Amino acid sequence: MHKFTFILLIIGGLAWLLEAFGYGIVNYLPATLTMIVYILVGLSAIYEIFDHKNYCKHCAKM
C-alpha cells in the first residue's frame, strides 16, 4: 500500500508542477476521472501522514 500511495503522491506533485507552468494534464481528462485522481491523491497524502514513519528508514530515526 505504501508504494502505491507514494507513487500517487509523486503523480500529484508532478501534476501540480505542470499546472503551475500552464501545462495542466487534468484539463484533458473527463471531469469524473479528474475527480477520482484528486480523491486518490488526497487519500494517499492522508495515508502517508500517518504511516510514513513505518516505512521510511530516515524518518524512523526521528
Protein backbone atom coordinates (compact mmCIF):
# COMPACT_ATOMS: atom_id res chain seq x y z
CA MET A 1 0.00 0.00 0.00
CA HIS A 2 2.87 2.37 0.81
CA LYS A 3 4.40 2.12 -2.67
CA PHE A 4 1.02 2.74 -4.31
CA THR A 5 0.29 5.82 -2.22
CA PHE A 6 3.82 7.13 -2.67
CA ILE A 7 3.53 6.82 -6.46
CA LEU A 8 0.19 8.64 -6.37
CA LEU A 9 1.77 11.45 -4.37
CA ILE A 10 4.55 11.76 -6.94
CA ILE A 11 2.00 11.87 -9.75
CA GLY A 12 0.02 14.51 -7.86
CA GLY A 13 3.11 16.60 -7.23
CA LEU A 14 4.17 16.47 -10.86
CA ALA A 15 0.64 17.38 -11.95
CA TRP A 16 0.75 20.47 -9.71
CA LEU A 17 4.17 21.41 -11.08
CA LEU A 18 2.94 21.15 -14.66
CA GLU A 19 -0.18 23.12 -13.72
CA ALA A 20 1.99 25.91 -12.32
CA PHE A 21 3.65 26.27 -15.71
CA GLY A 22 0.37 26.13 -17.64
CA TYR A 23 0.57 22.53 -18.81
CA GLY A 24 -2.29 21.05 -16.82
CA ILE A 25 -2.75 17.43 -17.79
CA VAL A 26 -6.03 17.05 -15.93
CA ASN A 27 -7.64 19.61 -18.23
CA TYR A 28 -7.66 16.93 -20.93
CA LEU A 29 -9.33 14.26 -18.79
CA PRO A 30 -13.06 13.83 -18.23
CA ALA A 31 -14.33 15.58 -15.10
CA THR A 32 -15.21 12.30 -13.36
CA LEU A 33 -11.75 10.85 -13.92
CA THR A 34 -10.13 14.08 -12.75
CA MET A 35 -12.16 13.96 -9.53
CA ILE A 36 -11.16 10.33 -8.95
CA VAL A 37 -7.47 11.21 -9.41
CA TYR A 38 -7.74 14.14 -6.99
CA ILE A 39 -9.51 11.98 -4.39
CA LEU A 40 -6.92 9.20 -4.68
CA VAL A 41 -4.02 11.64 -4.36
CA GLY A 42 -5.65 13.29 -1.33
CA LEU A 43 -6.32 9.96 0.37
CA SER A 44 -2.75 8.91 -0.37
CA ALA A 45 -1.47 12.02 1.36
CA ILE A 46 -3.58 11.29 4.44
CA TYR A 47 -2.34 7.69 4.48
CA GLU A 48 1.29 8.79 4.21
CA ILE A 49 0.90 11.34 7.01
CA PHE A 50 0.02 8.58 9.46
CA ASP A 51 2.03 5.65 8.09
CA HIS A 52 5.19 7.09 6.54
CA LYS A 53 7.44 6.64 9.58
CA ASN A 54 6.82 2.89 9.48
CA TYR A 55 8.41 2.62 6.03
CA CYS A 56 10.98 5.41 5.85
CA LYS A 57 14.31 4.50 7.43
CA HIS A 58 15.25 8.19 7.71
CA CYS A 59 12.01 9.21 9.43
CA ALA A 60 12.02 6.24 11.79
CA LYS A 61 15.15 7.65 13.46
CA MET A 62 13.35 10.85 14.43
